[in-house]
Amino acid sequence: MVILIEEIFINELKRCPESFQSAFRKSYQQLKAVDSPTELKGVVQLEKKLYKLTIGKSRIALRAQGNTLIIGCFLYNQFYTSPE
């Protein structure tokens, strides 16, 4: 499966701790090896072409387009702190 990552997600991921980034990289490598996102533990199908990946308490939006899976953004980022 071809995986594309949106720029907004990369920017948010950089702010997460190294342990979370490592867990995400593991899930990313596994996504590249499967035929369907739901084969991966932690991925739930929400709609026909929309999925949610859960890592810890964080949730990440995935969108399928043919044989391409797009990692869009965090639905919830447990490490996000609002700017004061």
PDB file of N, CA and C in Angstrom:
ATOM      1  N   MET A   1       0.846  -1.174   0.000  1.00  0.00           N
ATOM      2  CA  MET A   1       0.000   0.000   0.000  1.00  0.00           C
ATOM      3  C   MET A   1       0.894   1.240   0.000  1.00  0.00           C
ATOM      4  N   VAL A   2       0.519   2.239  -0.775  1.00  0.00           N
ATOM      5  CA  VAL A   2       1.249   3.504  -0.843  1.00  0.00           C
ATOM      6  C   VAL A   2       0.711   4.425   0.249  1.00  0.00           C
ATOM      7  N   ILE A   3       1.617   5.018   1.020  1.00  0.00           N
ATOM      8  CA  ILE A   3       1.222   5.890   2.119  1.00  0.00           C
ATOM      9  C   ILE A   3       1.716   7.314   1.844  1.00  0.00           C
ATOM     10  N   LEU A   4       0.809   8.293   1.933  1.00  0.00           N
ATOM     11  CA  LEU A   4       1.163   9.704   1.830  1.00  0.00           C
ATOM     12  C   LEU A   4       0.866  10.369   3.171  1.00  0.00           C
ATOM     13  N   ILE A   5       1.741  11.285   3.581  1.00  0.00           N
ATOM     14  CA  ILE A   5       1.551  11.975   4.851  1.00  0.00           C
ATOM     15  C   ILE A   5       1.391  13.472   4.583  1.00  0.00           C
ATOM     16  N   GLU A   6       0.306  14.049   5.082  1.00  0.00           N
ATOM     17  CA  GLU A   6       0.051  15.480   4.923  1.00  0.00           C
ATOM     18  C   GLU A   6       1.048  16.286   5.752  1.00  0.00           C
ATOM     19  N   GLU A   7       1.394  17.464   5.268  1.00  0.00           N
ATOM     20  CA  GLU A   7       2.352  18.340   5.937  1.00  0.00           C
ATOM     21  C   GLU A   7       1.896  18.730   7.346  1.00  0.00           C
ATOM     22  N   ILE A   8       0.600  18.981   7.524  1.00  0.00           N
ATOM     23  CA  ILE A   8       0.083  19.379   8.833  1.00  0.00           C
ATOM     24  C   ILE A   8       0.334  18.295   9.871  1.00  0.00           C
ATOM     25  N   PHE A   9       0.207  17.032   9.458  1.00  0.00           N
ATOM     26  CA  PHE A   9       0.455  15.938  10.386  1.00  0.00           C
ATOM     27  C   PHE A   9       1.929  15.884  10.776  1.00  0.00           C
ATOM     28  N   ILE A  10       2.819  16.058   9.808  1.00  0.00           N
ATOM     29  CA  ILE A  10       4.259  16.020  10.082  1.00  0.00           C
ATOM     30  C   ILE A  10       4.626  17.105  11.098  1.00  0.00           C
ATOM     31  N   ASN A  11       4.076  18.300  10.933  1.00  0.00           N
ATOM     32  CA  ASN A  11       4.357  19.402  11.855  1.00  0.00           C
ATOM     33  C   ASN A  11       3.892  19.086  13.274  1.00  0.00           C
ATOM     34  N   GLU A  12       2.730  18.475  13.412  1.00  0.00           N
ATOM     35  CA  GLU A  12       2.231  18.110  14.738  1.00  0.00           C
ATOM     36  C   GLU A  12       3.023  16.949  15.330  1.00  0.00           C
ATOM     37  N   LEU A  13       3.423  16.005  14.487  1.00  0.00           N
ATOM     38  CA  LEU A  13       4.182  14.845  14.957  1.00  0.00           C
ATOM     39  C   LEU A  13       5.530  15.261  15.534  1.00  0.00           C
ATOM     40  N   LYS A  14       6.148  16.282  14.961  1.00  0.00           N
ATOM     41  CA  LYS A  14       7.443  16.772  15.443  1.00  0.00           C
ATOM     42  C   LYS A  14       7.366  17.267  16.885  1.00  0.00           C
ATOM     43  N   ARG A  15       6.189  17.688  17.319  1.00  0.00           N
ATOM     44  CA  ARG A  15       6.008  18.200  18.681  1.00  0.00           C
ATOM     45  C   ARG A  15       5.744  17.090  19.699  1.00  0.00           C
ATOM     46  N   CYS A  16       5.572  15.870  19.237  1.00  0.00           N
ATOM     47  CA  CYS A  16       5.291  14.739  20.120  1.00  0.00           C
ATOM     48  C   CYS A  16       6.601  14.153  20.654  1.00  0.00           C
ATOM     49  N   PRO A  17       6.549  13.481  21.811  1.00  0.00           N
ATOM     50  CA  PRO A  17       7.756  12.859  22.363  1.00  0.00           C
ATOM     51  C   PRO A  17       8.303  11.761  21.449  1.00  0.00           C
ATOM     52  N   GLU A  18       9.572  11.473  21.579  1.00  0.00           N
ATOM     53  CA  GLU A  18      10.238  10.466  20.749  1.00  0.00           C
ATOM     54  C   GLU A  18       9.569   9.094  20.867  1.00  0.00           C
ATOM     55  N   SER A  19       9.079   8.747  22.051  1.00  0.00           N
ATOM     56  CA  SER A  19       8.428   7.441  22.230  1.00  0.00           C
ATOM     57  C   SER A  19       7.182   7.322  21.349  1.00  0.00           C
ATOM     58  N   PHE A  20       6.410   8.413  21.243  1.00  0.00           N
ATOM     59  CA  PHE A  20       5.223   8.397  20.381  1.00  0.00           C
ATOM     60  C   PHE A  20       5.630   8.352  18.915  1.00  0.00           C
ATOM     61  N   GLN A  21       6.643   9.134  18.539  1.00  0.00           N
ATOM     62  CA  GLN A  21       7.116   9.130  17.162  1.00  0.00           C
ATOM     63  C   GLN A  21       7.576   7.733  16.750  1.00  0.00           C
ATOM     64  N   SER A  22       8.237   7.043  17.661  1.00  0.00           N
ATOM     65  CA  SER A  22       8.694   5.684  17.388  1.00  0.00           C
ATOM     66  C   SER A  22       7.508   4.735  17.182  1.00  0.00           C
ATOM     67  N   ALA A  23       6.483   4.859  18.026  1.00  0.00           N
ATOM     68  CA  ALA A  23       5.281   4.036  17.882  1.00  0.00           C
ATOM     69  C   ALA A  23       4.586   4.328  16.555  1.00  0.00           C
ATOM     70  N   PHE A  24       4.555   5.617  16.153  1.00  0.00           N
ATOM     71  CA  PHE A  24       3.949   5.964  14.875  1.00  0.00           C
ATOM     72  C   PHE A  24       4.742   5.362  13.722  1.00  0.00           C
ATOM     73  N   ARG A  25       6.078   5.450  13.769  1.00  0.00           N
ATOM     74  CA  ARG A  25       6.912   4.882  12.694  1.00  0.00           C
ATOM     75  C   ARG A  25       6.667   3.382  12.538  1.00  0.00           C
ATOM     76  N   LYS A  26       6.483   2.689  13.654  1.00  0.00           N
ATOM     77  CA  LYS A  26       6.192   1.248  13.613  1.00  0.00           C
ATOM     78  C   LYS A  26       4.860   1.002  12.894  1.00  0.00           C
ATOM     79  N   SER A  27       3.833   1.770  13.247  1.00  0.00           N
ATOM     80  CA  SER A  27       2.524   1.631  12.594  1.00  0.00           C
ATOM     81  C   SER A  27       2.619   1.992  11.115  1.00  0.00           C
ATOM     82  N   TYR A  28       3.390   3.020  10.795  1.00  0.00           N
ATOM     83  CA  TYR A  28       3.587   3.452   9.405  1.00  0.00           C
ATOM     84  C   TYR A  28       4.198   2.321   8.575  1.00  0.00           C
ATOM     85  N   GLN A  29       5.232   1.672   9.101  1.00  0.00           N
ATOM     86  CA  GLN A  29       5.875   0.562   8.383  1.00  0.00           C
ATOM     87  C   GLN A  29       4.907  -0.603   8.194  1.00  0.00           C
ATOM     88  N   GLN A  30       4.090  -0.870   9.202  1.00  0.00           N
ATOM     89  CA  GLN A  30       3.114  -1.950   9.087  1.00  0.00           C
ATOM     90  C   GLN A  30       2.033  -1.615   8.066  1.00  0.00           C
ATOM     91  N   LEU A  31       1.608  -0.348   8.011  1.00  0.00           N
ATOM     92  CA  LEU A  31       0.599   0.058   7.030  1.00  0.00           C
ATOM     93  C   LEU A  31       1.104  -0.152   5.603  1.00  0.00           C
ATOM     94  N   LYS A  32       2.394   0.095   5.375  1.00  0.00           N
ATOM     95  CA  LYS A  32       2.960  -0.075   4.038  1.00  0.00           C
ATOM     96  C   LYS A  32       2.934  -1.535   3.601  1.00  0.00           C
ATOM     97  N   ALA A  33       2.883  -2.466   4.551  1.00  0.00           N
ATOM     98  CA  ALA A  33       2.977  -3.891   4.226  1.00  0.00           C
ATOM     99  C   ALA A  33       1.621  -4.592   4.098  1.00  0.00           C
ATOM    100  N   VAL A  34       0.539  -3.931   4.471  1.00  0.00           N
ATOM    101  CA  VAL A  34      -0.771  -4.593   4.449  1.00  0.00           C
ATOM    102  C   VAL A  34      -1.580  -4.210   3.206  1.00  0.00           C
ATOM    103  N   ASP A  35      -2.596  -5.007   2.905  1.00  0.00           N
ATOM    104  CA  ASP A  35      -3.485  -4.731   1.774  1.00  0.00           C
ATOM    105  C   ASP A  35      -4.649  -3.822   2.174  1.00  0.00           C
ATOM    106  N   SER A  36      -5.049  -3.919   3.444  1.00  0.00           N
ATOM    107  CA  SER A  36      -6.156  -3.111   3.943  1.00  0.00           C
ATOM    108  C   SER A  36      -5.754  -2.522   5.294  1.00  0.00           C
ATOM    109  N   PRO A  37      -6.075  -1.260   5.545  1.00  0.00           N
ATOM    110  CA  PRO A  37      -5.694  -0.647   6.823  1.00  0.00           C
ATOM    111  C   PRO A  37      -6.243  -1.391   8.044  1.00  0.00           C
ATOM    112  N   THR A  38      -7.409  -2.007   7.905  1.00  0.00           N
ATOM    113  CA  THR A  38      -8.017  -2.686   9.053  1.00  0.00           C
ATOM    114  C   THR A  38      -7.262  -3.945   9.464  1.00  0.00           C
ATOM    115  N   GLU A  39      -6.280  -4.379   8.675  1.00  0.00           N
ATOM    116  CA  GLU A  39      -5.455  -5.513   9.067  1.00  0.00           C
ATOM    117  C   GLU A  39      -4.515  -5.146  10.211  1.00  0.00           C
ATOM    118  N   LEU A  40      -4.325  -3.857  10.433  1.00  0.00           N
ATOM    119  CA  LEU A  40      -3.421  -3.365  11.461  1.00  0.00           C
ATOM    120  C   LEU A  40      -4.182  -3.164  12.769  1.00  0.00           C
ATOM    121  N   LYS A  41      -3.600  -3.657  13.863  1.00  0.00           N
ATOM    122  CA  LYS A  41      -4.207  -3.453  15.176  1.00  0.00           C
ATOM    123  C   LYS A  41      -4.245  -1.953  15.472  1.00  0.00           C
ATOM    124  N   GLY A  42      -5.369  -1.475  15.941  1.00  0.00           N
ATOM    125  CA  GLY A  42      -5.519  -0.060  16.265  1.00  0.00           C
ATOM    126  C   GLY A  42      -6.195   0.746  15.176  1.00  0.00           C
ATOM    127  N   VAL A  43      -6.506   0.125  14.027  1.00  0.00           N
ATOM    128  CA  VAL A  43      -7.184   0.835  12.943  1.00  0.00           C
ATOM    129  C   VAL A  43      -8.642   0.388  12.881  1.00  0.00           C
ATOM    130  N   VAL A  44      -9.530   1.376  12.864  1.00  0.00           N
ATOM    131  CA  VAL A  44     -10.969   1.121  12.796  1.00  0.00           C
ATOM    132  C   VAL A  44     -11.525   1.871  11.595  1.00  0.00           C
ATOM    133  N   GLN A  45     -12.397   1.214  10.834  1.00  0.00           N
ATOM    134  CA  GLN A  45     -13.034   1.875   9.694  1.00  0.00           C
ATOM    135  C   GLN A  45     -14.220   2.678  10.205  1.00  0.00           C
ATOM    136  N   LEU A  46     -14.253   3.975   9.856  1.00  0.00           N
ATOM    137  CA  LEU A  46     -15.338   4.859  10.281  1.00  0.00           C
ATOM    138  C   LEU A  46     -16.408   4.976   9.204  1.00  0.00           C
ATOM    139  N   GLU A  47     -15.964   5.130   7.967  1.00  0.00           N
ATOM    140  CA  GLU A  47     -16.844   5.210   6.805  1.00  0.00           C
ATOM    141  C   GLU A  47     -16.199   4.404   5.691  1.00  0.00           C
ATOM    142  N   LYS A  48     -16.794   4.473   4.505  1.00  0.00           N
ATOM    143  CA  LYS A  48     -16.305   3.652   3.396  1.00  0.00           C
ATOM    144  C   LYS A  48     -14.805   3.822   3.140  1.00  0.00           C
ATOM    145  N   LYS A  49     -14.296   5.037   3.103  1.00  0.00           N
ATOM    146  CA  LYS A  49     -12.883   5.278   2.802  1.00  0.00           C
ATOM    147  C   LYS A  49     -12.175   6.056   3.900  1.00  0.00           C
ATOM    148  N   LEU A  50     -12.748   6.058   5.093  1.00  0.00           N
ATOM    149  CA  LEU A  50     -12.195   6.823   6.209  1.00  0.00           C
ATOM    150  C   LEU A  50     -11.897   5.886   7.374  1.00  0.00           C
ATOM    151  N   TYR A  51     -10.673   6.023   7.933  1.00  0.00           N
ATOM    152  CA  TYR A  51     -10.231   5.149   9.010  1.00  0.00           C
ATOM    153  C   TYR A  51      -9.656   5.986  10.142  1.00  0.00           C
ATOM    154  N   LYS A  52      -9.547   5.358  11.307  1.00  0.00           N
ATOM    155  CA  LYS A  52      -8.955   6.000  12.478  1.00  0.00           C
ATOM    156  C   LYS A  52      -7.892   5.066  13.045  1.00  0.00           C
ATOM    157  N   LEU A  53      -6.671   5.597  13.209  1.00  0.00           N
ATOM    158  CA  LEU A  53      -5.571   4.865  13.827  1.00  0.00           C
ATOM    159  C   LEU A  53      -5.406   5.384  15.246  1.00  0.00           C
ATOM    160  N   THR A  54      -5.423   4.485  16.224  1.00  0.00           N
ATOM    161  CA  THR A  54      -5.253   4.865  17.621  1.00  0.00           C
ATOM    162  C   THR A  54      -3.890   4.396  18.104  1.00  0.00           C
ATOM    163  N   ILE A  55      -3.122   5.340  18.636  1.00  0.00           N
ATOM    164  CA  ILE A  55      -1.832   5.047  19.255  1.00  0.00           C
ATOM    165  C   ILE A  55      -1.861   5.710  20.626  1.00  0.00           C
ATOM    166  N   GLY A  56      -1.823   4.916  21.674  1.00  0.00           N
ATOM    167  CA  GLY A  56      -1.982   5.466  23.026  1.00  0.00           C
ATOM    168  C   GLY A  56      -3.368   6.080  23.131  1.00  0.00           C
ATOM    169  N   LYS A  57      -3.424   7.340  23.531  1.00  0.00           N
ATOM    170  CA  LYS A  57      -4.708   8.055  23.601  1.00  0.00           C
ATOM    171  C   LYS A  57      -4.945   8.903  22.366  1.00  0.00           C
ATOM    172  N   SER A  58      -3.960   8.990  21.488  1.00  0.00           N
ATOM    173  CA  SER A  58      -4.068   9.818  20.280  1.00  0.00           C
ATOM    174  C   SER A  58      -4.786   9.068  19.165  1.00  0.00           C
ATOM    175  N   ARG A  59      -5.490   9.840  18.340  1.00  0.00           N
ATOM    176  CA  ARG A  59      -6.203   9.266  17.195  1.00  0.00           C
ATOM    177  C   ARG A  59      -5.796  10.033  15.938  1.00  0.00           C
ATOM    178  N   ILE A  60      -5.559   9.282  14.870  1.00  0.00           N
ATOM    179  CA  ILE A  60      -5.054   9.848  13.622  1.00  0.00           C
ATOM    180  C   ILE A  60      -6.006   9.484  12.489  1.00  0.00           C
ATOM    181  N   ALA A  61      -6.351  10.467  11.646  1.00  0.00           N
ATOM    182  CA  ALA A  61      -7.259  10.250  10.517  1.00  0.00           C
ATOM    183  C   ALA A  61      -6.510   9.661   9.330  1.00  0.00           C
ATOM    184  N   LEU A  62      -7.084   8.621   8.720  1.00  0.00           N
ATOM    185  CA  LEU A  62      -6.549   7.991   7.517  1.00  0.00           C
ATOM    186  C   LEU A  62      -7.642   8.015   6.452  1.00  0.00           C
ATOM    187  N   ARG A  63      -7.262   8.320   5.212  1.00  0.00           N
ATOM    188  CA  ARG A  63      -8.230   8.377   4.111  1.00  0.00           C
ATOM    189  C   ARG A  63      -7.697   7.536   2.958  1.00  0.00           C
ATOM    190  N   ALA A  64      -8.515   6.624   2.460  1.00  0.00           N
ATOM    191  CA  ALA A  64      -8.115   5.750   1.356  1.00  0.00           C
ATOM    192  C   ALA A  64      -8.558   6.339   0.025  1.00  0.00           C
ATOM    193  N   GLN A  65      -7.646   6.281  -0.963  1.00  0.00           N
ATOM    194  CA  GLN A  65      -7.961   6.661  -2.341  1.00  0.00           C
ATOM    195  C   GLN A  65      -7.312   5.616  -3.237  1.00  0.00           C
ATOM    196  N   GLY A  66      -8.098   4.639  -3.649  1.00  0.00           N
ATOM    197  CA  GLY A  66      -7.558   3.543  -4.445  1.00  0.00           C
ATOM    198  C   GLY A  66      -6.574   2.733  -3.609  1.00  0.00           C
ATOM    199  N   ASN A  67      -5.341   2.578  -4.099  1.00  0.00           N
ATOM    200  CA  ASN A  67      -4.308   1.837  -3.377  1.00  0.00           C
ATOM    201  C   ASN A  67      -3.439   2.777  -2.535  1.00  0.00           C
ATOM    202  N   THR A  68      -3.879   4.023  -2.358  1.00  0.00           N
ATOM    203  CA  THR A  68      -3.130   5.014  -1.586  1.00  0.00           C
ATOM    204  C   THR A  68      -3.868   5.314  -0.291  1.00  0.00           C
ATOM    205  N   LEU A  69      -3.106   5.398   0.784  1.00  0.00           N
ATOM    206  CA  LEU A  69      -3.663   5.761   2.083  1.00  0.00           C
ATOM    207  C   LEU A  69      -3.031   7.082   2.500  1.00  0.00           C
ATOM    208  N   ILE A  70      -3.860   8.063   2.824  1.00  0.00           N
ATOM    209  CA  ILE A  70      -3.377   9.394   3.186  1.00  0.00           C
ATOM    210  C   ILE A  70      -3.538   9.583   4.689  1.00  0.00           C
ATOM    211  N   ILE A  71      -2.422   9.903   5.348  1.00  0.00           N
ATOM    212  CA  ILE A  71      -2.450  10.217   6.773  1.00  0.00           C
ATOM    213  C   ILE A  71      -2.671  11.719   6.855  1.00  0.00           C
ATOM    214  N   GLY A  72      -3.870  12.110   7.288  1.00  0.00           N
ATOM    215  CA  GLY A  72      -4.266  13.506   7.205  1.00  0.00           C
ATOM    216  C   GLY A  72      -3.874  14.362   8.378  1.00  0.00           C
ATOM    217  N   CYS A  73      -4.397  14.056   9.551  1.00  0.00           N
ATOM    218  CA  CYS A  73      -4.138  14.895  10.714  1.00  0.00           C
ATOM    219  C   CYS A  73      -4.517  14.133  11.980  1.00  0.00           C
ATOM    220  N   PHE A  74      -4.168  14.713  13.103  1.00  0.00           N
ATOM    221  CA  PHE A  74      -4.600  14.163  14.380  1.00  0.00           C
ATOM    222  C   PHE A  74      -6.075  14.493  14.577  1.00  0.00           C
ATOM    223  N   LEU A  75      -6.865  13.507  14.953  1.00  0.00           N
ATOM    224  CA  LEU A  75      -8.230  13.772  15.396  1.00  0.00           C
ATOM    225  C   LEU A  75      -8.183  14.190  16.862  1.00  0.00           C
ATOM    226  N   TYR A  76      -7.240  13.586  17.600  1.00  0.00           N
ATOM    227  CA  TYR A  76      -6.974  13.963  18.981  1.00  0.00           C
ATOM    228  C   TYR A  76      -5.504  13.684  19.240  1.00  0.00           C
ATOM    229  N   ASN A  77      -4.786  14.695  19.739  1.00  0.00           N
ATOM    230  CA  ASN A  77      -3.369  14.556  20.050  1.00  0.00           C
ATOM    231  C   ASN A  77      -3.200  14.696  21.557  1.00  0.00           C
ATOM    232  N   GLN A  78      -2.865  13.606  22.218  1.00  0.00           N
ATOM    233  CA  GLN A  78      -2.749  13.617  23.672  1.00  0.00           C
ATOM    234  C   GLN A  78      -1.617  14.514  24.165  1.00  0.00           C
ATOM    235  N   PHE A  79      -0.707  14.909  23.287  1.00  0.00           N
ATOM    236  CA  PHE A  79       0.433  15.724  23.673  1.00  0.00           C
ATOM    237  C   PHE A  79       0.245  17.207  23.327  1.00  0.00           C
ATOM    238  N   TYR A  80      -0.895  17.545  22.757  1.00  0.00           N
ATOM    239  CA  TYR A  80      -1.147  18.936  22.360  1.00  0.00           C
ATOM    240  C   TYR A  80      -1.370  19.796  23.592  1.00  0.00           C
ATOM    241  N   THR A  81      -0.721  20.940  23.622  1.00  0.00           N
ATOM    242  CA  THR A  81      -0.978  21.924  24.659  1.00  0.00           C
ATOM    243  C   THR A  81      -1.359  23.225  23.956  1.00  0.00           C
ATOM    244  N   SER A  82      -2.407  23.840  24.409  1.00  0.00           N
ATOM    245  CA  SER A  82      -2.879  25.064  23.750  1.00  0.00           C
ATOM    246  C   SER A  82      -1.909  26.208  24.010  1.00  0.00           C
ATOM    247  N   PRO A  83      -1.695  27.048  22.999  1.00  0.00           N
ATOM    248  CA  PRO A  83      -0.814  28.200  23.185  1.00  0.00           C
ATOM    249  C   PRO A  83      -1.443  29.191  24.170  1.00  0.00           C
ATOM    250  N   GLU A  84      -0.650  29.686  25.038  1.00  0.00           N
ATOM    251  CA  GLU A  84      -1.128  30.625  26.067  1.00  0.00           C
ATOM    252  C   GLU A  84      -0.975  32.040  25.580  1.00  0.00           C
TER     253      GLU A  84
END
